[in-house]
N, C-alpha and C. Protein backbone atom coordinates (compact mmCIF):
# COMPACT_ATOMS: atom_id res chain seq x y z
N MET A 1 -50.85 -1.45 -67.80
CA MET A 1 -49.35 -0.21 -68.07
C MET A 1 -48.31 -0.94 -67.61
N GLU A 2 -47.35 -0.50 -67.78
CA GLU A 2 -46.24 -1.61 -67.38
C GLU A 2 -44.78 0.24 -67.01
N VAL A 3 -44.23 0.28 -66.11
CA VAL A 3 -43.34 0.81 -65.67
C VAL A 3 -42.03 0.22 -65.15
N THR A 4 -40.87 0.63 -65.65
CA THR A 4 -39.58 0.25 -65.21
C THR A 4 -38.76 1.33 -64.29
N LYS A 5 -38.10 0.39 -63.17
CA LYS A 5 -38.00 1.24 -62.01
C LYS A 5 -36.85 0.35 -61.39
N PHE A 6 -36.18 0.76 -60.55
CA PHE A 6 -34.68 0.10 -60.01
C PHE A 6 -34.65 0.67 -58.73
N PHE A 7 -34.77 0.13 -57.46
CA PHE A 7 -34.84 0.03 -56.27
C PHE A 7 -34.03 -0.25 -55.33
N LEU A 8 -33.38 0.05 -54.44
CA LEU A 8 -32.76 -0.70 -53.43
C LEU A 8 -33.09 -0.17 -52.12
N SER A 9 -33.78 0.65 -52.01
CA SER A 9 -34.42 0.29 -50.66
C SER A 9 -35.99 0.16 -51.05
N ILE A 10 -36.38 -0.70 -49.61
CA ILE A 10 -37.95 -1.35 -49.96
C ILE A 10 -38.67 -0.28 -48.98
N GLU A 11 -38.06 0.77 -48.57
CA GLU A 11 -39.17 1.66 -47.81
C GLU A 11 -40.02 2.24 -48.87
N LYS A 12 -38.75 2.78 -49.95
CA LYS A 12 -39.14 3.58 -51.24
C LYS A 12 -39.95 2.90 -52.24
N GLU A 13 -39.46 1.63 -52.73
CA GLU A 13 -40.43 1.10 -53.43
C GLU A 13 -41.47 0.55 -52.79
N GLU A 14 -41.91 0.30 -51.36
CA GLU A 14 -43.15 0.31 -51.10
C GLU A 14 -43.92 2.06 -50.69
N LYS A 15 -43.19 2.69 -50.84
CA LYS A 15 -43.69 4.07 -50.92
C LYS A 15 -44.64 4.45 -52.70
N TRP A 16 -43.67 4.01 -52.96
CA TRP A 16 -43.63 4.31 -54.66
C TRP A 16 -45.06 3.22 -54.85
N LEU A 17 -45.34 2.54 -54.62
CA LEU A 17 -46.26 1.13 -55.27
C LEU A 17 -47.89 1.79 -54.71
N ASN A 18 -47.41 2.71 -53.12
CA ASN A 18 -48.37 3.12 -52.52
C ASN A 18 -48.95 4.45 -53.33
N ASP A 19 -47.80 5.05 -53.78
CA ASP A 19 -48.29 6.55 -54.48
C ASP A 19 -48.93 6.19 -55.80
N MET A 20 -48.67 4.85 -56.08
CA MET A 20 -48.73 4.34 -57.68
C MET A 20 -50.79 4.39 -57.84
N SER A 21 -50.73 3.75 -56.08
CA SER A 21 -52.34 3.58 -56.18
C SER A 21 -53.15 4.36 -55.75
N SER A 22 -52.36 5.79 -55.07
CA SER A 22 -53.10 6.39 -55.06
C SER A 22 -53.26 7.25 -55.91
N GLU A 23 -52.72 7.16 -57.11
CA GLU A 23 -52.84 7.80 -58.34
C GLU A 23 -54.38 6.73 -59.32
N GLY A 24 -54.37 5.69 -58.86
CA GLY A 24 -55.76 5.20 -59.41
C GLY A 24 -54.78 3.85 -60.37
N CYS A 25 -53.97 3.17 -59.65
CA CYS A 25 -53.09 1.84 -60.45
C CYS A 25 -53.07 1.07 -59.60
N ARG A 26 -53.26 -0.07 -59.77
CA ARG A 26 -53.26 -1.31 -58.86
C ARG A 26 -52.17 -2.54 -59.43
N PHE A 27 -50.90 -2.27 -58.61
CA PHE A 27 -50.05 -3.47 -58.53
C PHE A 27 -50.37 -5.01 -58.79
N VAL A 28 -49.96 -5.37 -59.89
CA VAL A 28 -50.54 -6.93 -60.44
C VAL A 28 -49.67 -7.54 -60.37
N GLY A 29 -47.99 -7.24 -60.53
CA GLY A 29 -47.20 -8.31 -60.86
C GLY A 29 -46.19 -7.52 -61.35
N LYS A 30 -44.70 -8.66 -61.38
CA LYS A 30 -43.29 -7.76 -61.40
C LYS A 30 -42.68 -8.83 -62.59
N HIS A 31 -41.78 -8.37 -63.79
CA HIS A 31 -41.08 -8.89 -63.83
C HIS A 31 -39.81 -8.12 -64.28
N GLY A 32 -38.68 -9.19 -63.73
CA GLY A 32 -37.21 -8.04 -63.45
C GLY A 32 -37.61 -6.88 -62.96
N PHE A 33 -37.69 -6.04 -63.09
CA PHE A 33 -37.48 -4.41 -62.87
C PHE A 33 -38.58 -3.54 -63.43
N SER A 34 -39.65 -4.25 -63.99
CA SER A 34 -40.78 -4.04 -64.91
C SER A 34 -42.00 -4.37 -64.26
N TYR A 35 -42.79 -3.20 -63.55
CA TYR A 35 -43.96 -3.66 -62.53
C TYR A 35 -45.21 -3.40 -63.72
N LYS A 36 -46.12 -3.85 -63.47
CA LYS A 36 -47.51 -4.36 -64.13
C LYS A 36 -48.41 -3.36 -63.32
N PHE A 37 -49.14 -2.80 -63.48
CA PHE A 37 -50.57 -2.06 -62.84
C PHE A 37 -51.70 -1.95 -64.15
N GLU A 38 -53.32 -2.53 -63.13
CA GLU A 38 -53.75 -2.28 -64.18
C GLU A 38 -54.98 -1.09 -63.31
N PRO A 39 -55.85 -0.25 -63.75
CA PRO A 39 -56.42 0.72 -63.47
C PRO A 39 -57.24 -0.03 -62.11
N CYS A 40 -57.50 1.21 -60.69
CA CYS A 40 -58.29 0.83 -60.16
C CYS A 40 -58.57 2.23 -59.59
N GLU A 41 -59.71 2.27 -58.57
CA GLU A 41 -60.32 3.29 -58.15
C GLU A 41 -59.16 3.85 -57.14
N LYS A 42 -59.06 5.07 -57.24
CA LYS A 42 -57.58 5.49 -56.28
C LYS A 42 -57.45 5.40 -55.19
N GLY A 43 -56.36 5.21 -54.17
CA GLY A 43 -55.90 4.92 -52.95
C GLY A 43 -57.02 4.06 -51.96
N THR A 44 -57.67 2.47 -53.61
CA THR A 44 -58.39 1.82 -53.45
C THR A 44 -57.19 0.22 -52.17
N TYR A 45 -55.61 0.32 -52.86
CA TYR A 45 -55.06 -0.59 -52.24
C TYR A 45 -54.03 0.18 -51.41
N ARG A 46 -53.34 -0.49 -50.80
CA ARG A 46 -52.03 -0.07 -49.83
C ARG A 46 -51.24 -1.62 -50.31
N TYR A 47 -49.85 -1.32 -50.06
CA TYR A 47 -48.88 -2.14 -50.19
C TYR A 47 -47.79 -2.45 -49.35
N CYS A 48 -47.61 -3.54 -48.91
CA CYS A 48 -46.38 -3.54 -47.79
C CYS A 48 -45.12 -4.60 -48.89
N ILE A 49 -44.06 -4.63 -48.79
CA ILE A 49 -43.02 -5.26 -49.15
C ILE A 49 -42.32 -5.88 -48.17
N ASP A 50 -41.97 -7.56 -48.50
CA ASP A 50 -41.03 -8.15 -47.09
C ASP A 50 -39.92 -8.71 -48.21
N GLN A 51 -38.98 -8.98 -47.29
CA GLN A 51 -37.66 -9.70 -48.09
C GLN A 51 -37.70 -11.19 -46.61
N ARG A 52 -37.49 -11.89 -47.46
CA ARG A 52 -37.69 -13.39 -46.51
C ARG A 52 -36.60 -14.24 -47.07
N GLY A 53 -35.98 -14.10 -47.85
CA GLY A 53 -35.06 -14.96 -48.24
C GLY A 53 -35.65 -15.80 -49.76
N PHE A 54 -34.35 -16.62 -50.00
CA PHE A 54 -34.54 -17.65 -51.19
C PHE A 54 -35.18 -18.61 -50.45
N LEU A 55 -34.21 -19.41 -50.14
CA LEU A 55 -34.31 -20.81 -49.41
C LEU A 55 -35.40 -21.23 -48.51
N LYS A 56 -35.88 -19.74 -47.72
CA LYS A 56 -36.74 -19.93 -46.43
C LYS A 56 -38.40 -20.43 -46.79
N ASN A 57 -38.80 -21.20 -46.09
CA ASN A 57 -40.10 -21.42 -46.52
C ASN A 57 -41.30 -20.40 -45.50
N SER A 58 -41.86 -19.81 -46.80
CA SER A 58 -42.48 -18.54 -45.92
C SER A 58 -44.20 -18.78 -46.18
N GLU A 59 -44.57 -19.90 -46.36
CA GLU A 59 -45.76 -20.51 -46.48
C GLU A 59 -46.51 -20.13 -45.22
N GLU A 60 -46.26 -20.42 -44.02
CA GLU A 60 -46.72 -20.25 -42.61
C GLU A 60 -46.85 -18.50 -42.78
N PHE A 61 -45.68 -17.49 -43.07
CA PHE A 61 -45.69 -16.23 -42.95
C PHE A 61 -46.90 -15.20 -43.94
N VAL A 62 -46.71 -16.54 -45.09
CA VAL A 62 -47.75 -15.94 -45.97
C VAL A 62 -49.57 -16.26 -45.18
N GLY A 63 -49.66 -17.36 -45.38
CA GLY A 63 -50.74 -17.43 -44.35
C GLY A 63 -50.92 -17.10 -43.35
N PHE A 64 -50.16 -16.37 -42.74
CA PHE A 64 -50.55 -15.65 -41.50
C PHE A 64 -50.60 -14.46 -41.82
N LEU A 65 -50.50 -13.45 -42.95
CA LEU A 65 -51.53 -11.92 -43.83
C LEU A 65 -51.65 -12.59 -43.93
N ASP A 66 -52.61 -13.71 -45.00
CA ASP A 66 -53.83 -13.75 -45.53
C ASP A 66 -54.58 -13.53 -44.65
N GLU A 67 -54.53 -14.22 -43.52
CA GLU A 67 -55.72 -14.19 -42.81
C GLU A 67 -55.99 -12.72 -42.39
N LEU A 68 -55.19 -11.47 -41.98
CA LEU A 68 -55.04 -10.62 -41.73
C LEU A 68 -55.40 -9.55 -43.30
N ASN A 69 -56.15 -10.24 -44.01
CA ASN A 69 -56.51 -9.72 -45.25
C ASN A 69 -55.46 -9.28 -46.58
N MET A 70 -54.15 -9.59 -45.78
CA MET A 70 -52.61 -9.27 -46.73
C MET A 70 -52.80 -10.23 -47.94
N LYS A 71 -52.71 -9.64 -48.74
CA LYS A 71 -53.02 -10.83 -49.79
C LYS A 71 -51.73 -11.00 -50.82
N LEU A 72 -50.91 -12.03 -50.82
CA LEU A 72 -49.74 -12.08 -51.66
C LEU A 72 -50.12 -11.68 -53.10
N VAL A 73 -49.31 -11.03 -53.47
CA VAL A 73 -49.51 -10.27 -54.94
C VAL A 73 -48.70 -10.75 -55.83
N HIS A 74 -47.35 -10.95 -55.08
CA HIS A 74 -46.08 -11.21 -56.58
C HIS A 74 -45.07 -11.52 -55.26
N LYS A 75 -44.20 -12.16 -56.12
CA LYS A 75 -43.26 -13.22 -55.23
C LYS A 75 -42.06 -13.26 -55.95
N GLN A 76 -40.72 -12.46 -55.89
CA GLN A 76 -39.82 -12.41 -56.85
C GLN A 76 -38.34 -12.32 -56.06
N TRP A 77 -37.36 -13.10 -56.04
CA TRP A 77 -36.35 -13.06 -55.64
C TRP A 77 -35.98 -13.06 -54.57
N GLY A 78 -37.32 -13.89 -53.50
CA GLY A 78 -37.15 -13.95 -52.15
C GLY A 78 -37.51 -12.39 -51.73
N PHE A 79 -38.02 -11.53 -52.52
CA PHE A 79 -39.23 -10.52 -52.11
C PHE A 79 -40.64 -10.80 -52.33
N TYR A 80 -41.56 -10.38 -51.21
CA TYR A 80 -42.46 -10.56 -51.31
C TYR A 80 -43.62 -9.76 -51.32
N TYR A 81 -44.57 -9.33 -52.39
CA TYR A 81 -45.60 -8.01 -52.10
C TYR A 81 -46.56 -8.26 -52.04
N PHE A 82 -46.79 -6.96 -50.62
CA PHE A 82 -48.25 -8.07 -50.10
C PHE A 82 -49.32 -6.78 -50.54
N GLU A 83 -50.62 -7.09 -50.61
CA GLU A 83 -51.47 -6.14 -50.67
C GLU A 83 -52.42 -6.06 -49.96
N ALA A 84 -53.33 -4.79 -49.76
CA ALA A 84 -54.05 -4.77 -48.40
C ALA A 84 -55.40 -3.57 -49.09
N ASP A 85 -56.47 -3.96 -48.85
CA ASP A 85 -57.76 -3.21 -49.12
C ASP A 85 -58.08 -2.33 -48.30
N ARG A 86 -59.01 -1.65 -48.11
CA ARG A 86 -59.30 -0.51 -47.01
C ARG A 86 -60.03 -1.41 -45.75
N SER A 87 -60.08 -3.08 -46.42
CA SER A 87 -61.15 -3.51 -45.04
C SER A 87 -59.66 -4.07 -43.85
N CYS A 88 -58.48 -3.97 -44.40
CA CYS A 88 -57.55 -4.20 -43.88
C CYS A 88 -56.98 -3.02 -42.41
N SER A 89 -56.91 -4.01 -41.25
CA SER A 89 -56.49 -2.44 -40.03
C SER A 89 -54.94 -2.79 -40.23
N THR A 90 -54.51 -3.52 -40.83
CA THR A 90 -53.03 -4.05 -40.59
C THR A 90 -52.42 -2.49 -41.23
N GLU A 91 -51.69 -1.83 -40.75
CA GLU A 91 -50.80 -1.05 -41.36
C GLU A 91 -49.52 -1.13 -42.04
N LYS A 92 -48.54 -1.65 -41.26
CA LYS A 92 -47.15 -2.47 -41.24
C LYS A 92 -47.16 -3.92 -40.96
N ILE A 93 -46.48 -4.41 -41.36
CA ILE A 93 -46.28 -5.88 -41.23
C ILE A 93 -45.32 -6.01 -40.46
N TYR A 94 -44.61 -5.51 -39.65
CA TYR A 94 -43.50 -5.38 -38.37
C TYR A 94 -43.84 -3.91 -37.58
N THR A 95 -44.12 -4.58 -36.49
CA THR A 95 -44.42 -3.12 -35.51
C THR A 95 -43.39 -3.20 -34.29
N ASP A 96 -42.81 -4.53 -34.18
CA ASP A 96 -42.11 -4.43 -32.45
C ASP A 96 -40.56 -4.81 -33.21
N ILE A 97 -39.83 -4.32 -32.44
CA ILE A 97 -37.98 -3.44 -32.43
C ILE A 97 -37.75 -4.60 -33.19
N LYS A 98 -37.52 -5.98 -32.22
CA LYS A 98 -36.86 -7.16 -32.61
C LYS A 98 -37.49 -7.66 -34.27
N SER A 99 -38.84 -7.40 -34.57
CA SER A 99 -38.81 -7.78 -35.81
C SER A 99 -38.74 -6.92 -37.14
N LYS A 100 -38.43 -5.56 -37.12
CA LYS A 100 -38.03 -4.86 -37.43
C LYS A 100 -36.22 -4.42 -37.66
N SER A 101 -35.51 -4.99 -36.91
CA SER A 101 -34.88 -5.62 -36.51
C SER A 101 -34.20 -6.60 -37.88
N SER A 102 -34.82 -7.59 -37.41
CA SER A 102 -34.62 -8.70 -38.22
C SER A 102 -35.06 -8.38 -39.59
N PHE A 103 -36.07 -7.63 -39.93
CA PHE A 103 -36.28 -6.93 -41.25
C PHE A 103 -34.88 -6.54 -41.86
N TYR A 104 -34.45 -5.85 -41.25
CA TYR A 104 -33.15 -4.67 -41.62
C TYR A 104 -31.87 -5.53 -42.21
N LEU A 105 -31.75 -6.51 -40.77
CA LEU A 105 -30.42 -7.40 -41.12
C LEU A 105 -31.06 -8.15 -42.43
N ARG A 106 -32.12 -8.26 -42.85
CA ARG A 106 -32.17 -9.60 -44.19
C ARG A 106 -31.94 -8.49 -45.23
N CYS A 107 -32.41 -7.47 -45.14
CA CYS A 107 -31.87 -6.32 -46.37
C CYS A 107 -31.05 -6.06 -46.46
N ILE A 108 -30.40 -6.14 -45.50
CA ILE A 108 -28.57 -5.97 -45.29
C ILE A 108 -27.82 -6.73 -45.81
N LEU A 109 -28.04 -7.87 -45.51
CA LEU A 109 -27.39 -9.65 -46.01
C LEU A 109 -28.06 -9.50 -47.96
N TRP A 110 -29.09 -8.81 -48.14
CA TRP A 110 -29.00 -9.24 -49.16
C TRP A 110 -28.56 -8.00 -50.37
N LEU A 111 -28.14 -6.35 -49.76
CA LEU A 111 -27.53 -5.46 -50.44
C LEU A 111 -25.73 -6.32 -50.25
N ALA A 112 -25.56 -6.79 -49.14
CA ALA A 112 -24.34 -7.08 -49.38
C ALA A 112 -23.91 -8.04 -50.13
N CYS A 113 -24.69 -9.40 -50.80
CA CYS A 113 -24.91 -9.90 -51.71
C CYS A 113 -24.17 -9.29 -52.98
N ILE A 114 -25.28 -8.44 -53.19
CA ILE A 114 -25.45 -7.54 -54.81
C ILE A 114 -23.79 -6.52 -54.64
N GLY A 115 -23.60 -6.35 -53.20
CA GLY A 115 -22.20 -5.25 -53.31
C GLY A 115 -20.96 -6.66 -53.55
N ILE A 116 -21.06 -7.72 -53.06
CA ILE A 116 -19.90 -8.40 -53.09
C ILE A 116 -20.00 -9.22 -55.08
N LEU A 117 -21.01 -9.01 -55.80
CA LEU A 117 -21.04 -9.42 -57.19
C LEU A 117 -20.46 -8.11 -57.70
N ASN A 118 -20.69 -6.96 -57.52
CA ASN A 118 -20.44 -6.01 -58.20
C ASN A 118 -19.04 -5.72 -57.66
N ILE A 119 -18.16 -5.78 -56.64
CA ILE A 119 -16.76 -5.83 -56.67
C ILE A 119 -16.19 -7.04 -57.46
N SER A 120 -16.88 -8.33 -57.21
CA SER A 120 -16.45 -9.18 -58.65
C SER A 120 -16.18 -8.75 -59.66
N ILE A 121 -17.34 -8.23 -60.43
CA ILE A 121 -17.16 -7.49 -61.40
C ILE A 121 -16.59 -6.18 -61.58
N ILE A 122 -16.26 -5.46 -60.54
CA ILE A 122 -15.08 -4.49 -60.80
C ILE A 122 -13.46 -4.81 -60.88
N ASN A 123 -13.56 -6.00 -60.27
CA ASN A 123 -11.79 -6.36 -60.34
C ASN A 123 -11.79 -7.19 -61.01
N HIS A 124 -12.79 -7.74 -62.02
CA HIS A 124 -12.59 -8.63 -63.26
C HIS A 124 -12.92 -8.11 -64.56
N ALA A 125 -13.24 -6.57 -64.55
CA ALA A 125 -14.31 -6.08 -66.10
C ALA A 125 -13.19 -5.81 -66.74
N ASN A 126 -13.55 -6.23 -67.74
CA ASN A 126 -12.77 -5.96 -69.12
C ASN A 126 -13.83 -5.08 -70.11
N GLY A 127 -13.07 -3.61 -71.05
CA GLY A 127 -14.01 -3.49 -71.95
C GLY A 127 -15.49 -2.89 -71.51
N PRO A 128 -16.57 -3.01 -72.73
CA PRO A 128 -16.23 -1.82 -73.49
C PRO A 128 -15.94 -0.69 -72.88
N TYR A 129 -15.19 -0.39 -74.09
CA TYR A 129 -14.54 1.25 -73.14
C TYR A 129 -15.53 2.23 -74.09
N PHE A 130 -15.19 3.15 -73.36
CA PHE A 130 -15.73 4.53 -74.36
C PHE A 130 -14.60 5.66 -73.56
N LEU A 131 -14.52 6.36 -74.46
CA LEU A 131 -13.29 7.58 -74.07
C LEU A 131 -12.09 6.99 -72.60
N ASN A 132 -11.41 5.84 -73.13
CA ASN A 132 -10.72 5.42 -72.50
C ASN A 132 -11.19 4.77 -71.12
N ILE A 133 -12.34 4.93 -70.76
CA ILE A 133 -13.32 4.69 -69.37
C ILE A 133 -13.97 2.97 -69.92
N SER A 134 -13.73 2.05 -68.71
CA SER A 134 -14.29 0.75 -68.99
C SER A 134 -15.71 1.28 -68.24
N ILE A 135 -16.87 0.95 -69.15
CA ILE A 135 -18.27 1.04 -68.57
C ILE A 135 -18.35 0.04 -67.26
N PRO A 136 -18.34 -1.29 -67.56
CA PRO A 136 -18.60 -1.66 -66.38
C PRO A 136 -17.70 -1.52 -64.99
N ILE A 137 -17.13 -1.21 -65.27
CA ILE A 137 -15.83 -0.64 -63.92
C ILE A 137 -16.41 0.89 -63.61
N VAL A 138 -17.12 1.04 -64.37
CA VAL A 138 -17.67 2.89 -63.96
C VAL A 138 -19.57 2.53 -63.30
N ALA A 139 -19.96 1.93 -63.80
CA ALA A 139 -20.88 1.45 -63.53
C ALA A 139 -21.45 0.93 -62.30
N ASN A 140 -20.43 -0.42 -62.47
CA ASN A 140 -20.81 -1.44 -61.01
C ASN A 140 -19.91 -0.14 -59.84
N THR A 141 -19.10 0.35 -60.27
CA THR A 141 -18.61 1.35 -58.76
C THR A 141 -20.13 2.18 -58.35
N VAL A 142 -20.70 2.96 -59.54
CA VAL A 142 -21.78 3.40 -59.10
C VAL A 142 -22.96 2.90 -58.44
N VAL A 143 -23.04 1.55 -58.63
CA VAL A 143 -24.12 0.87 -58.09
C VAL A 143 -23.28 0.32 -56.32
N LEU A 144 -22.14 -0.21 -56.41
CA LEU A 144 -21.53 -0.47 -55.35
C LEU A 144 -21.54 0.90 -54.40
N CYS A 145 -21.55 1.94 -54.67
CA CYS A 145 -21.73 3.33 -53.70
C CYS A 145 -23.12 3.19 -53.69
N LEU A 146 -24.05 3.22 -54.19
CA LEU A 146 -25.78 2.89 -54.09
C LEU A 146 -25.74 1.84 -53.10
N VAL A 147 -25.29 1.30 -53.23
CA VAL A 147 -25.40 -0.35 -52.31
C VAL A 147 -24.89 0.19 -50.81
N LEU A 148 -23.49 0.72 -50.67
CA LEU A 148 -23.03 0.99 -49.59
C LEU A 148 -23.95 2.07 -48.32
N SER A 149 -24.49 3.01 -49.46
CA SER A 149 -25.17 3.82 -48.74
C SER A 149 -26.93 3.51 -48.34
N ALA A 150 -27.40 2.12 -48.67
CA ALA A 150 -28.64 1.27 -48.65
C ALA A 150 -28.21 0.76 -47.09
N ILE A 151 -27.27 0.38 -47.44
CA ILE A 151 -26.28 -0.57 -46.44
C ILE A 151 -26.43 0.02 -44.97
N LEU A 152 -25.86 1.38 -45.57
CA LEU A 152 -25.78 2.45 -44.01
C LEU A 152 -26.86 3.24 -43.39
N LYS A 153 -27.76 2.78 -44.48
CA LYS A 153 -29.13 3.41 -43.91
C LYS A 153 -30.05 2.51 -43.12
N TYR A 154 -29.92 1.44 -43.84
CA TYR A 154 -30.53 0.08 -42.95
C TYR A 154 -29.67 0.22 -41.52
N VAL A 155 -28.42 0.29 -41.13
CA VAL A 155 -27.88 0.39 -40.25
C VAL A 155 -27.86 1.16 -39.19
N TRP A 156 -28.45 2.70 -39.66
CA TRP A 156 -28.68 3.54 -38.95
C TRP A 156 -30.53 3.58 -38.59
N ASN A 157 -30.80 2.63 -39.41
CA ASN A 157 -32.54 2.65 -39.13
C ASN A 157 -32.60 1.60 -37.95
N ILE A 158 -31.79 0.72 -37.83
CA ILE A 158 -31.41 -0.56 -36.40
C ILE A 158 -30.92 0.44 -34.94
N LEU A 159 -30.15 0.90 -35.42
CA LEU A 159 -29.78 2.09 -34.43
C LEU A 159 -30.71 2.57 -33.24
N LEU A 160 -31.64 3.38 -34.40
CA LEU A 160 -33.00 4.40 -34.38
C LEU A 160 -33.64 3.27 -33.50
N LEU A 161 -33.58 2.56 -33.83
CA LEU A 161 -34.97 1.84 -33.14
C LEU A 161 -34.43 0.92 -31.86
N HIS A 162 -33.17 0.69 -31.93
CA HIS A 162 -32.47 0.42 -30.19
C HIS A 162 -32.48 1.20 -29.37
N LEU A 163 -32.13 2.76 -29.73
CA LEU A 163 -32.31 3.93 -28.99
C LEU A 163 -33.72 4.56 -28.86
N ARG A 164 -34.51 4.26 -29.46
CA ARG A 164 -35.75 4.15 -29.12
C ARG A 164 -36.21 3.39 -27.81
N LYS A 165 -35.94 2.68 -27.64
CA LYS A 165 -36.18 1.48 -26.58
C LYS A 165 -36.60 2.35 -25.27
């Protein structure tokens, strides 16, 4: 089965993958925004996603999670998708404040890159027009608003982590 979805929030994507697993769908790969699933027993697998960046060598990190029975299922655009079965006792990849904050900062940087790309498209967009409205300007403005709201959510999460200390 193949499902096309778009996420700006890693938490929402992770929750959706876990919901799909609870419905009996095992995540096996991704191409662009299309997720590939195969049938499995309901709730057999749990998924965690990490944003590691394009240029960062993450072999050591992947090896560490493999020792914890969290297998790398897919890697795309600096995002790592890990699968754990029932034998894995690890609930989340990050448990301490410093590592969670670093994770949120990496997500903010990724979203900032998307936002900058959208601003450049808005500044240089021409046609096609529909009812005298430039489609690229409207679409990219909507995406930019979604990116900004996601960035604010991650900043809020960082603030909450440090207030709970």
